[in-house]
């Protein structure tokens, strides 16, 4: 026995209503993960800038340290 188009439409609408709360939670989780990713990228960029500054300051302060850092 095959499903009619009406049966298929009813199943589709019922499933979408049942899955709506789950979809909303997954959408919220996706937004949270993307925001967290952006925050991690932003903070790591700041750390890299500080590291570059400290490396350059150290190299200008003592030339011997350059060989130590390269090693």
C-alpha atoms as a PDB file:
ATOM      1  CA  UNK A   1       0.000   0.000   0.000  1.00  0.00           C
ATOM      2  CA  UNK A   2       1.511   3.290  -1.121  1.00  0.00           C
ATOM      3  CA  UNK A   3       1.164   6.596   0.657  1.00  0.00           C
ATOM      4  CA  UNK A   4      -0.944   9.257  -0.972  1.00  0.00           C
ATOM      5  CA  UNK A   5       0.232  12.820  -1.408  1.00  0.00           C
ATOM      6  CA  UNK A   6      -2.075  13.858   1.463  1.00  0.00           C
ATOM      7  CA  UNK A   7      -0.470  11.270   3.741  1.00  0.00           C
ATOM      8  CA  UNK A   8       2.993  12.452   2.801  1.00  0.00           C
ATOM      9  CA  UNK A   9       2.035  16.083   3.467  1.00  0.00           C
ATOM     10  CA  UNK A  10       0.518  15.166   6.841  1.00  0.00           C
ATOM     11  CA  UNK A  11       3.633  13.224   7.851  1.00  0.00           C
ATOM     12  CA  UNK A  12       5.869  16.077   6.732  1.00  0.00           C
ATOM     13  CA  UNK A  13       3.925  18.716   8.684  1.00  0.00           C
ATOM     14  CA  UNK A  14       3.648  16.523  11.779  1.00  0.00           C
ATOM     15  CA  UNK A  15       7.350  15.746  11.776  1.00  0.00           C
ATOM     16  CA  UNK A  16       8.302  19.387  11.293  1.00  0.00           C
ATOM     17  CA  UNK A  17       6.109  20.342  14.294  1.00  0.00           C
ATOM     18  CA  UNK A  18       7.632  17.585  16.413  1.00  0.00           C
ATOM     19  CA  UNK A  19      11.184  18.439  15.421  1.00  0.00           C
ATOM     20  CA  UNK A  20      10.826  22.228  15.730  1.00  0.00           C
ATOM     21  CA  UNK A  21      12.048  22.410  19.381  1.00  0.00           C
ATOM     22  CA  UNK A  22      15.037  20.218  18.570  1.00  0.00           C
ATOM     23  CA  UNK A  23      15.864  22.325  15.526  1.00  0.00           C
ATOM     24  CA  UNK A  24      15.668  25.495  17.626  1.00  0.00           C
ATOM     25  CA  UNK A  25      18.054  24.032  20.228  1.00  0.00           C
ATOM     26  CA  UNK A  26      20.462  22.939  17.516  1.00  0.00           C
ATOM     27  CA  UNK A  27      20.314  26.391  15.927  1.00  0.00           C
ATOM     28  CA  UNK A  28      21.076  27.978  19.304  1.00  0.00           C
ATOM     29  CA  UNK A  29      23.981  25.584  19.824  1.00  0.00           C
ATOM     30  CA  UNK A  30      25.321  26.396  16.366  1.00  0.00           C
ATOM     31  CA  UNK A  31      25.165  30.132  17.114  1.00  0.00           C
ATOM     32  CA  UNK A  32      26.942  29.566  20.445  1.00  0.00           C
ATOM     33  CA  UNK A  33      29.712  27.534  18.797  1.00  0.00           C
ATOM     34  CA  UNK A  34      30.225  30.154  16.082  1.00  0.00           C
ATOM     35  CA  UNK A  35      30.356  32.955  18.679  1.00  0.00           C
ATOM     36  CA  UNK A  36      32.831  30.953  20.771  1.00  0.00           C
ATOM     37  CA  UNK A  37      34.956  30.328  17.684  1.00  0.00           C
ATOM     38  CA  UNK A  38      35.022  34.045  16.897  1.00  0.00           C
ATOM     39  CA  UNK A  39      35.993  34.858  20.479  1.00  0.00           C
ATOM     40  CA  UNK A  40      38.825  32.307  20.469  1.00  0.00           C
ATOM     41  CA  UNK A  41      40.147  33.667  17.173  1.00  0.00           C
ATOM     42  CA  UNK A  42      39.983  37.242  18.471  1.00  0.00           C
ATOM     43  CA  UNK A  43      41.827  36.389  21.687  1.00  0.00           C
ATOM     44  CA  UNK A  44      44.482  34.276  19.986  1.00  0.00           C
ATOM     45  CA  UNK A  45      45.173  37.149  17.584  1.00  0.00           C
ATOM     46  CA  UNK A  46      45.800  39.384  20.588  1.00  0.00           C
ATOM     47  CA  UNK A  47      48.149  36.816  22.101  1.00  0.00           C
ATOM     48  CA  UNK A  48      50.055  36.478  18.837  1.00  0.00           C
ATOM     49  CA  UNK A  49      50.479  40.262  18.640  1.00  0.00           C
ATOM     50  CA  UNK A  50      51.839  40.338  22.202  1.00  0.00           C
ATOM     51  CA  UNK A  51      54.186  37.464  21.443  1.00  0.00           C
ATOM     52  CA  UNK A  52      55.474  39.211  18.315  1.00  0.00           C
ATOM     53  CA  UNK A  53      55.999  42.428  20.287  1.00  0.00           C
ATOM     54  CA  UNK A  54      57.884  40.622  23.051  1.00  0.00           C
ATOM     55  CA  UNK A  55      60.010  38.712  20.527  1.00  0.00           C
ATOM     56  CA  UNK A  56      60.943  41.913  18.698  1.00  0.00           C
ATOM     57  CA  UNK A  57      61.640  43.764  21.940  1.00  0.00           C
ATOM     58  CA  UNK A  58      63.819  40.916  23.174  1.00  0.00           C
ATOM     59  CA  UNK A  59      65.754  40.726  19.921  1.00  0.00           C
ATOM     60  CA  UNK A  60      66.421  44.461  20.009  1.00  0.00           C
ATOM     61  CA  UNK A  61      67.531  44.248  23.613  1.00  0.00           C
ATOM     62  CA  UNK A  62      70.056  41.415  23.304  1.00  0.00           C
ATOM     63  CA  UNK A  63      71.299  40.161  19.913  1.00  0.00           C
ATOM     64  CA  UNK A  64      72.463  36.888  21.493  1.00  0.00           C
ATOM     65  CA  UNK A  65      68.842  35.988  22.213  1.00  0.00           C
ATOM     66  CA  UNK A  66      68.095  35.875  18.494  1.00  0.00           C
ATOM     67  CA  UNK A  67      70.313  32.838  18.112  1.00  0.00           C
ATOM     68  CA  UNK A  68      68.642  31.256  21.130  1.00  0.00           C
ATOM     69  CA  UNK A  69      65.163  31.877  19.693  1.00  0.00           C
ATOM     70  CA  UNK A  70      66.122  30.603  16.251  1.00  0.00           C
ATOM     71  CA  UNK A  71      67.500  27.476  17.804  1.00  0.00           C
END
